[in-house]
Amino acid sequence: MLLEEHEKEGPVRYHLDAHYNALTTEETKSRLRELGELKAADATREELLELVKSYERTRHLMIWSDHSSIMNHGHILLTANAIYDPAFYFISAELHGKDVQELVEKPRVYIMARCRGHN
């Protein structure tokens, strides 16, 4: 659901294998430099492509929970949010100044529950 919303809103960087196969070795190294992930400059083209694919296709999530008891009633709140990563999501400049990080990290409540305690 969360990924579908992001795909519809447009900030997800998603490329088919054909896009990656068309990249030159230098373009692949350049992308890894942009991401700060070019560690082995002597790696083969295929190894570099796999690294780029891995970074650009991995989304990171944050799960947060809070629970409390107020006046003999238990409350629990669970949220799941995406963490903005410029490898997976476009940057604002690529989307004409749209605040991508704010869009991606917008909090969403997934479960909120209340139960009555027992004496």
N, C-alpha and C. Protein backbone atom coordinates (compact mmCIF):
# COMPACT_ATOMS: atom_id res chain seq x y z
N MET A 1 0.82 -1.18 0.00
CA MET A 1 0.00 0.00 0.00
C MET A 1 0.87 1.26 0.00
N LEU A 2 1.86 1.32 0.88
CA LEU A 2 2.73 2.48 0.96
C LEU A 2 3.53 2.66 -0.33
N LEU A 3 4.11 1.57 -0.85
CA LEU A 3 4.88 1.67 -2.09
C LEU A 3 3.97 2.05 -3.25
N GLU A 4 2.76 1.50 -3.29
CA GLU A 4 1.82 1.85 -4.35
C GLU A 4 1.50 3.35 -4.33
N GLU A 5 1.32 3.90 -3.13
CA GLU A 5 1.06 5.34 -3.02
C GLU A 5 2.25 6.14 -3.55
N HIS A 6 3.44 5.73 -3.18
CA HIS A 6 4.63 6.45 -3.65
C HIS A 6 4.80 6.33 -5.15
N GLU A 7 4.52 5.16 -5.70
CA GLU A 7 4.63 4.99 -7.15
C GLU A 7 3.63 5.89 -7.87
N LYS A 8 2.43 6.00 -7.32
CA LYS A 8 1.40 6.84 -7.93
C LYS A 8 1.78 8.33 -7.85
N GLU A 9 2.38 8.74 -6.71
CA GLU A 9 2.76 10.13 -6.52
C GLU A 9 4.00 10.50 -7.32
N GLY A 10 4.79 9.51 -7.74
CA GLY A 10 5.90 9.76 -8.65
C GLY A 10 7.32 9.83 -8.12
N PRO A 11 7.61 9.74 -6.82
CA PRO A 11 9.00 9.92 -6.40
C PRO A 11 9.88 8.67 -6.45
N VAL A 12 9.31 7.51 -6.78
CA VAL A 12 10.08 6.26 -6.76
C VAL A 12 10.94 6.16 -8.01
N ARG A 13 12.22 5.89 -7.79
CA ARG A 13 13.18 5.70 -8.89
C ARG A 13 13.12 4.21 -9.26
N TYR A 14 12.43 3.90 -10.31
CA TYR A 14 12.31 2.49 -10.70
C TYR A 14 12.72 2.34 -12.15
N HIS A 15 13.71 1.51 -12.38
CA HIS A 15 14.19 1.26 -13.74
C HIS A 15 14.15 -0.23 -14.02
N LEU A 16 13.83 -0.56 -15.25
CA LEU A 16 13.87 -1.95 -15.69
C LEU A 16 15.32 -2.36 -15.93
N ASP A 17 15.57 -3.65 -16.05
CA ASP A 17 16.91 -4.15 -16.31
C ASP A 17 17.50 -3.55 -17.59
N ALA A 18 16.66 -3.29 -18.57
CA ALA A 18 17.14 -2.72 -19.84
C ALA A 18 17.84 -1.37 -19.62
N HIS A 19 17.33 -0.58 -18.68
CA HIS A 19 17.96 0.70 -18.36
C HIS A 19 19.38 0.48 -17.85
N TYR A 20 19.53 -0.45 -16.93
CA TYR A 20 20.84 -0.72 -16.35
C TYR A 20 21.79 -1.32 -17.37
N ASN A 21 21.28 -2.21 -18.22
CA ASN A 21 22.12 -2.84 -19.23
C ASN A 21 22.64 -1.83 -20.25
N ALA A 22 21.93 -0.71 -20.41
CA ALA A 22 22.36 0.32 -21.36
C ALA A 22 23.42 1.25 -20.77
N LEU A 23 23.64 1.19 -19.45
CA LEU A 23 24.63 2.06 -18.82
C LEU A 23 26.04 1.60 -19.15
N THR A 24 26.93 2.56 -19.38
CA THR A 24 28.34 2.23 -19.57
C THR A 24 28.97 2.02 -18.20
N THR A 25 30.16 1.48 -18.20
CA THR A 25 30.88 1.27 -16.94
C THR A 25 31.10 2.61 -16.24
N GLU A 26 31.47 3.64 -17.00
CA GLU A 26 31.73 4.96 -16.40
C GLU A 26 30.44 5.56 -15.83
N GLU A 27 29.31 5.40 -16.53
CA GLU A 27 28.03 5.90 -16.00
C GLU A 27 27.66 5.18 -14.71
N THR A 28 27.94 3.89 -14.66
CA THR A 28 27.64 3.10 -13.47
C THR A 28 28.52 3.56 -12.31
N LYS A 29 29.80 3.77 -12.57
CA LYS A 29 30.71 4.27 -11.52
C LYS A 29 30.29 5.66 -11.06
N SER A 30 29.87 6.49 -12.00
CA SER A 30 29.44 7.84 -11.67
C SER A 30 28.23 7.80 -10.73
N ARG A 31 27.28 6.92 -11.02
CA ARG A 31 26.09 6.80 -10.16
C ARG A 31 26.47 6.32 -8.76
N LEU A 32 27.38 5.36 -8.70
CA LEU A 32 27.83 4.88 -7.39
C LEU A 32 28.58 5.97 -6.63
N ARG A 33 29.34 6.82 -7.35
CA ARG A 33 30.01 7.96 -6.69
C ARG A 33 28.97 8.92 -6.13
N GLU A 34 27.91 9.19 -6.90
CA GLU A 34 26.83 10.08 -6.43
C GLU A 34 26.23 9.56 -5.13
N LEU A 35 26.10 8.26 -5.03
CA LEU A 35 25.51 7.63 -3.85
C LEU A 35 26.52 7.45 -2.73
N GLY A 36 27.80 7.73 -3.01
CA GLY A 36 28.84 7.54 -2.01
C GLY A 36 29.13 6.07 -1.76
N GLU A 37 28.93 5.24 -2.77
CA GLU A 37 29.05 3.79 -2.59
C GLU A 37 30.05 3.13 -3.53
N LEU A 38 30.92 3.91 -4.20
CA LEU A 38 31.93 3.32 -5.07
C LEU A 38 33.12 2.92 -4.21
N LYS A 39 33.16 1.66 -3.84
CA LYS A 39 34.21 1.17 -2.94
C LYS A 39 35.32 0.44 -3.70
N ALA A 40 34.93 -0.37 -4.67
CA ALA A 40 35.91 -1.17 -5.42
C ALA A 40 35.93 -0.68 -6.87
N ALA A 41 36.85 0.23 -7.16
CA ALA A 41 36.93 0.80 -8.51
C ALA A 41 37.37 -0.23 -9.54
N ASP A 42 37.96 -1.34 -9.09
CA ASP A 42 38.42 -2.37 -10.03
C ASP A 42 37.38 -3.47 -10.24
N ALA A 43 36.17 -3.28 -9.77
CA ALA A 43 35.11 -4.28 -9.94
C ALA A 43 34.71 -4.37 -11.40
N THR A 44 34.16 -5.49 -11.78
CA THR A 44 33.71 -5.67 -13.16
C THR A 44 32.44 -4.86 -13.39
N ARG A 45 32.11 -4.65 -14.64
CA ARG A 45 30.89 -3.91 -15.00
C ARG A 45 29.67 -4.58 -14.40
N GLU A 46 29.60 -5.90 -14.47
CA GLU A 46 28.46 -6.64 -13.94
C GLU A 46 28.33 -6.46 -12.42
N GLU A 47 29.45 -6.48 -11.72
CA GLU A 47 29.42 -6.28 -10.27
C GLU A 47 28.94 -4.87 -9.93
N LEU A 48 29.40 -3.89 -10.70
CA LEU A 48 28.98 -2.51 -10.49
C LEU A 48 27.49 -2.34 -10.76
N LEU A 49 27.01 -2.96 -11.84
CA LEU A 49 25.58 -2.89 -12.17
C LEU A 49 24.74 -3.50 -11.06
N GLU A 50 25.18 -4.64 -10.53
CA GLU A 50 24.44 -5.28 -9.44
C GLU A 50 24.39 -4.39 -8.20
N LEU A 51 25.49 -3.68 -7.93
CA LEU A 51 25.49 -2.75 -6.80
C LEU A 51 24.48 -1.62 -7.00
N VAL A 52 24.49 -1.02 -8.18
CA VAL A 52 23.55 0.07 -8.47
C VAL A 52 22.12 -0.43 -8.36
N LYS A 53 21.83 -1.57 -8.95
CA LYS A 53 20.49 -2.14 -8.86
C LYS A 53 20.09 -2.37 -7.41
N SER A 54 21.00 -2.89 -6.63
CA SER A 54 20.71 -3.17 -5.23
C SER A 54 20.37 -1.89 -4.47
N TYR A 55 21.15 -0.84 -4.64
CA TYR A 55 20.89 0.42 -3.95
C TYR A 55 19.61 1.08 -4.43
N GLU A 56 19.38 1.05 -5.74
CA GLU A 56 18.21 1.73 -6.29
C GLU A 56 16.92 0.94 -6.12
N ARG A 57 17.02 -0.30 -5.72
CA ARG A 57 15.82 -1.13 -5.57
C ARG A 57 15.56 -1.54 -4.12
N THR A 58 16.27 -0.94 -3.17
CA THR A 58 16.09 -1.26 -1.76
C THR A 58 15.45 -0.09 -1.04
N ARG A 59 14.31 -0.35 -0.45
CA ARG A 59 13.60 0.69 0.31
C ARG A 59 13.75 0.38 1.79
N HIS A 60 13.94 1.42 2.58
CA HIS A 60 14.09 1.26 4.01
C HIS A 60 12.84 1.77 4.71
N LEU A 61 12.38 1.00 5.69
CA LEU A 61 11.18 1.35 6.44
C LEU A 61 11.51 1.55 7.91
N MET A 62 10.72 2.38 8.55
CA MET A 62 10.84 2.60 9.97
C MET A 62 9.51 2.21 10.60
N ILE A 63 9.55 1.34 11.58
CA ILE A 63 8.36 0.93 12.31
C ILE A 63 8.46 1.52 13.71
N TRP A 64 7.40 2.16 14.15
CA TRP A 64 7.40 2.80 15.45
C TRP A 64 6.15 2.37 16.20
N SER A 65 6.32 2.10 17.49
CA SER A 65 5.15 1.74 18.30
C SER A 65 5.19 2.51 19.61
N ASP A 66 4.02 2.76 20.13
CA ASP A 66 3.89 3.44 21.40
C ASP A 66 2.71 2.81 22.12
N HIS A 67 2.86 2.59 23.40
CA HIS A 67 1.76 2.04 24.17
C HIS A 67 1.73 2.72 25.53
N SER A 68 0.55 2.83 26.05
CA SER A 68 0.41 3.47 27.36
C SER A 68 -0.89 2.99 28.00
N SER A 69 -1.00 3.31 29.26
CA SER A 69 -2.22 3.01 29.99
C SER A 69 -2.68 4.30 30.65
N ILE A 70 -3.87 4.73 30.30
CA ILE A 70 -4.42 5.96 30.84
C ILE A 70 -5.79 5.65 31.42
N MET A 71 -5.95 5.94 32.70
CA MET A 71 -7.21 5.73 33.39
C MET A 71 -7.78 4.32 33.16
N ASN A 72 -6.91 3.33 33.36
CA ASN A 72 -7.29 1.93 33.26
C ASN A 72 -7.70 1.50 31.85
N HIS A 73 -7.24 2.21 30.82
CA HIS A 73 -7.45 1.82 29.43
C HIS A 73 -6.08 1.76 28.75
N GLY A 74 -5.84 0.66 28.06
CA GLY A 74 -4.58 0.52 27.33
C GLY A 74 -4.72 1.09 25.92
N HIS A 75 -3.67 1.71 25.44
CA HIS A 75 -3.65 2.28 24.09
C HIS A 75 -2.38 1.82 23.39
N ILE A 76 -2.50 1.51 22.12
CA ILE A 76 -1.33 1.16 21.32
C ILE A 76 -1.44 1.86 19.97
N LEU A 77 -0.31 2.34 19.49
CA LEU A 77 -0.25 3.04 18.21
C LEU A 77 0.94 2.46 17.44
N LEU A 78 0.71 2.03 16.22
CA LEU A 78 1.77 1.52 15.35
C LEU A 78 1.79 2.34 14.06
N THR A 79 2.97 2.75 13.66
CA THR A 79 3.12 3.44 12.38
C THR A 79 4.23 2.77 11.59
N ALA A 80 4.13 2.85 10.29
CA ALA A 80 5.18 2.38 9.39
C ALA A 80 5.42 3.50 8.39
N ASN A 81 6.66 3.92 8.31
CA ASN A 81 7.01 5.01 7.41
C ASN A 81 8.22 4.63 6.57
N ALA A 82 8.25 5.13 5.37
CA ALA A 82 9.42 4.96 4.54
C ALA A 82 10.47 5.98 4.96
N ILE A 83 11.72 5.62 4.84
CA ILE A 83 12.81 6.54 5.11
C ILE A 83 13.33 7.02 3.76
N TYR A 84 13.44 8.33 3.60
CA TYR A 84 13.90 8.89 2.34
C TYR A 84 15.34 8.50 2.07
N ASP A 85 15.59 7.94 0.91
CA ASP A 85 16.92 7.56 0.46
C ASP A 85 17.04 7.98 -1.00
N PRO A 86 17.96 8.89 -1.33
CA PRO A 86 18.07 9.37 -2.71
C PRO A 86 18.46 8.29 -3.72
N ALA A 87 18.87 7.11 -3.25
CA ALA A 87 19.13 6.01 -4.16
C ALA A 87 17.82 5.41 -4.65
N PHE A 88 16.83 5.33 -3.78
CA PHE A 88 15.54 4.71 -4.12
C PHE A 88 14.53 5.72 -4.65
N TYR A 89 14.57 6.94 -4.10
CA TYR A 89 13.63 7.99 -4.50
C TYR A 89 14.37 9.07 -5.28
N PHE A 90 13.65 9.74 -6.15
CA PHE A 90 14.22 10.88 -6.86
C PHE A 90 14.53 11.98 -5.87
N ILE A 91 15.43 12.87 -6.25
CA ILE A 91 15.69 14.04 -5.42
C ILE A 91 14.79 15.17 -5.90
N SER A 92 14.61 16.18 -5.07
CA SER A 92 13.70 17.28 -5.38
C SER A 92 14.00 17.94 -6.72
N ALA A 93 15.28 18.12 -7.04
CA ALA A 93 15.66 18.77 -8.30
C ALA A 93 15.18 17.97 -9.51
N GLU A 94 15.15 16.65 -9.39
CA GLU A 94 14.69 15.81 -10.49
C GLU A 94 13.18 15.87 -10.68
N LEU A 95 12.46 16.30 -9.65
CA LEU A 95 11.00 16.42 -9.73
C LEU A 95 10.57 17.87 -9.65
N HIS A 96 11.37 18.74 -10.25
CA HIS A 96 11.04 20.17 -10.40
C HIS A 96 10.75 20.86 -9.07
N GLY A 97 11.58 20.58 -8.05
CA GLY A 97 11.47 21.27 -6.77
C GLY A 97 10.45 20.71 -5.80
N LYS A 98 9.73 19.67 -6.19
CA LYS A 98 8.76 19.03 -5.29
C LYS A 98 9.52 18.48 -4.08
N ASP A 99 9.02 18.71 -2.86
CA ASP A 99 9.70 18.24 -1.65
C ASP A 99 9.49 16.74 -1.49
N VAL A 100 10.37 15.97 -2.08
CA VAL A 100 10.24 14.52 -2.10
C VAL A 100 10.39 13.92 -0.71
N GLN A 101 11.34 14.43 0.07
CA GLN A 101 11.55 13.86 1.40
C GLN A 101 10.31 14.03 2.26
N GLU A 102 9.68 15.18 2.21
CA GLU A 102 8.46 15.40 2.99
C GLU A 102 7.35 14.46 2.52
N LEU A 103 7.23 14.29 1.23
CA LEU A 103 6.21 13.41 0.66
C LEU A 103 6.43 11.96 1.10
N VAL A 104 7.66 11.50 1.03
CA VAL A 104 8.00 10.11 1.36
C VAL A 104 7.85 9.83 2.85
N GLU A 105 8.31 10.76 3.68
CA GLU A 105 8.34 10.51 5.12
C GLU A 105 7.09 11.00 5.86
N LYS A 106 6.04 11.31 5.10
CA LYS A 106 4.79 11.74 5.73
C LYS A 106 4.28 10.62 6.64
N PRO A 107 4.05 10.92 7.92
CA PRO A 107 3.61 9.87 8.86
C PRO A 107 2.23 9.30 8.49
N ARG A 108 2.11 8.02 8.67
CA ARG A 108 0.84 7.33 8.41
C ARG A 108 0.56 6.41 9.59
N VAL A 109 -0.63 6.52 10.16
CA VAL A 109 -1.02 5.65 11.27
C VAL A 109 -1.59 4.38 10.69
N TYR A 110 -1.09 3.23 11.14
CA TYR A 110 -1.58 1.96 10.63
C TYR A 110 -2.48 1.25 11.62
N ILE A 111 -2.14 1.27 12.87
CA ILE A 111 -2.98 0.61 13.87
C ILE A 111 -3.06 1.51 15.09
N MET A 112 -4.27 1.77 15.51
CA MET A 112 -4.48 2.46 16.77
C MET A 112 -5.57 1.69 17.49
N ALA A 113 -5.27 1.24 18.67
CA ALA A 113 -6.24 0.41 19.39
C ALA A 113 -6.35 0.85 20.84
N ARG A 114 -7.47 0.55 21.40
CA ARG A 114 -7.73 0.86 22.81
C ARG A 114 -8.45 -0.33 23.43
N CYS A 115 -8.03 -0.69 24.61
CA CYS A 115 -8.76 -1.76 25.30
C CYS A 115 -8.96 -1.36 26.75
N ARG A 116 -10.02 -1.82 27.29
CA ARG A 116 -10.35 -1.51 28.66
C ARG A 116 -9.63 -2.47 29.58
N GLY A 117 -9.02 -1.96 30.62
CA GLY A 117 -8.29 -2.78 31.58
C GLY A 117 -9.26 -3.47 32.52
N HIS A 118 -8.72 -4.44 33.26
CA HIS A 118 -9.51 -5.18 34.25
C HIS A 118 -9.05 -4.82 35.65
N ASN A 119 -9.98 -4.74 36.60
CA ASN A 119 -9.65 -4.43 37.99
C ASN A 119 -9.24 -5.67 38.73
